Amino acid sequence: MASNIIGCRDVVTPGINGELFEPRNEESLYKKMEDWIVHPDKVAALAANCRPYVKERYASASVHRAYYSEYCSLAGLDSSC
C-alpha cells in the first residue's frame, strides 16, 4: 500500500502487487486499510505477486537494457547499437 505519487505509482500496480491511496487523503487510506483487514486473502494474493513483479521489471539486466536502449536513442542510433 502506497501513496499515489511519483515513484510509488511507478512500482505499485493496483490489484497486481499492491494498492494506491490518494495523497493527503485520510479517507482514501482508511478505505484501503479497511479493505485489507476485511479481505486478507486479497493481501496474500498481492503479496505473492510482489517479488516476481519487481524482479521482472527492476532486475539489473532489465534496467541495463533500458539504459542501453535510451543511450543509443539519445546518440541517434537504433537500440541494437
Protein backbone atom coordinates (compact mmCIF):
# COMPACT_ATOMS: atom_id res chain seq x y z
CA MET A 1 0.00 0.00 0.00
CA ALA A 2 1.46 3.32 -1.03
CA SER A 3 0.52 6.90 -1.71
CA ASN A 4 -0.40 7.64 -5.33
CA ILE A 5 2.64 9.80 -6.04
CA ILE A 6 5.53 9.70 -8.48
CA GLY A 7 7.88 6.89 -7.58
CA CYS A 8 5.33 4.85 -5.66
CA ARG A 9 2.94 4.53 -8.57
CA ASP A 10 5.85 3.50 -10.77
CA VAL A 11 6.36 0.39 -8.64
CA VAL A 12 2.83 -0.39 -7.39
CA THR A 13 0.23 -1.58 -9.88
CA PRO A 14 -3.15 -1.57 -8.13
CA GLY A 15 -4.71 -5.01 -7.93
CA ILE A 16 -1.49 -6.70 -9.06
CA ASN A 17 1.16 -6.07 -6.41
CA GLY A 18 -0.45 -3.56 -4.07
CA GLU A 19 -2.86 -0.67 -3.81
CA LEU A 20 -2.52 3.10 -4.02
CA PHE A 21 -4.32 5.64 -1.88
CA GLU A 22 -4.69 9.32 -2.66
CA PRO A 23 -2.03 11.57 -1.12
CA ARG A 24 -3.05 13.62 1.91
CA ASN A 25 -6.42 11.86 1.95
CA GLU A 26 -7.08 10.07 5.22
CA GLU A 27 -10.39 8.66 3.98
CA SER A 28 -8.70 7.06 0.96
CA LEU A 29 -6.05 5.48 3.20
CA TYR A 30 -8.67 4.35 5.70
CA LYS A 31 -10.75 2.63 2.99
CA LYS A 32 -7.72 0.77 1.61
CA MET A 33 -6.65 -0.34 5.10
CA GLU A 34 -10.19 -1.44 5.96
CA ASP A 35 -10.41 -3.40 2.71
CA TRP A 36 -7.18 -5.23 3.54
CA ILE A 37 -8.40 -6.06 7.04
CA VAL A 38 -11.71 -7.40 5.72
CA HIS A 39 -10.08 -9.29 2.80
CA PRO A 40 -6.80 -10.84 3.99
CA ASP A 41 -6.93 -13.22 1.01
CA LYS A 42 -6.56 -10.20 -1.27
CA VAL A 43 -3.47 -9.10 0.67
CA ALA A 44 -1.98 -12.57 0.34
CA ALA A 45 -2.51 -12.54 -3.43
CA LEU A 46 -0.95 -9.09 -3.78
CA ALA A 47 1.99 -10.13 -1.61
CA ALA A 48 2.60 -13.24 -3.71
CA ASN A 49 2.90 -11.05 -6.81
CA CYS A 50 5.35 -8.52 -5.33
CA ARG A 51 8.68 -10.28 -5.75
CA PRO A 52 8.09 -11.63 -9.28
CA TYR A 53 6.68 -8.25 -10.38
CA VAL A 54 9.64 -6.25 -9.08
CA LYS A 55 12.21 -8.83 -10.17
CA GLU A 56 10.83 -8.85 -13.72
CA ARG A 57 10.80 -5.07 -14.05
CA TYR A 58 13.75 -3.98 -11.95
CA ALA A 59 16.31 -6.78 -12.20
CA SER A 60 19.69 -5.31 -13.08
CA ALA A 61 19.72 -6.88 -16.58
CA SER A 62 16.36 -5.28 -17.41
CA VAL A 63 17.49 -1.92 -16.11
CA HIS A 64 20.78 -2.15 -18.02
CA ARG A 65 18.95 -2.98 -21.25
CA ALA A 66 16.64 0.01 -20.75
CA TYR A 67 19.58 2.37 -20.12
CA TYR A 68 21.48 0.99 -23.10
CA SER A 69 18.49 1.46 -25.36
CA GLU A 70 18.00 5.01 -24.10
CA TYR A 71 21.67 5.90 -24.63
CA CYS A 72 21.52 4.51 -28.16
CA SER A 73 18.40 6.52 -28.83
CA LEU A 74 19.99 9.71 -27.50
CA ALA A 75 23.02 9.07 -29.73
CA GLY A 76 20.72 8.80 -32.74
CA LEU A 77 21.30 5.07 -33.16
CA ASP A 78 18.85 2.22 -33.12
CA SER A 79 18.51 0.20 -29.90
CA SER A 80 20.81 -2.52 -31.21
CA CYS A 81 23.80 -0.16 -31.36
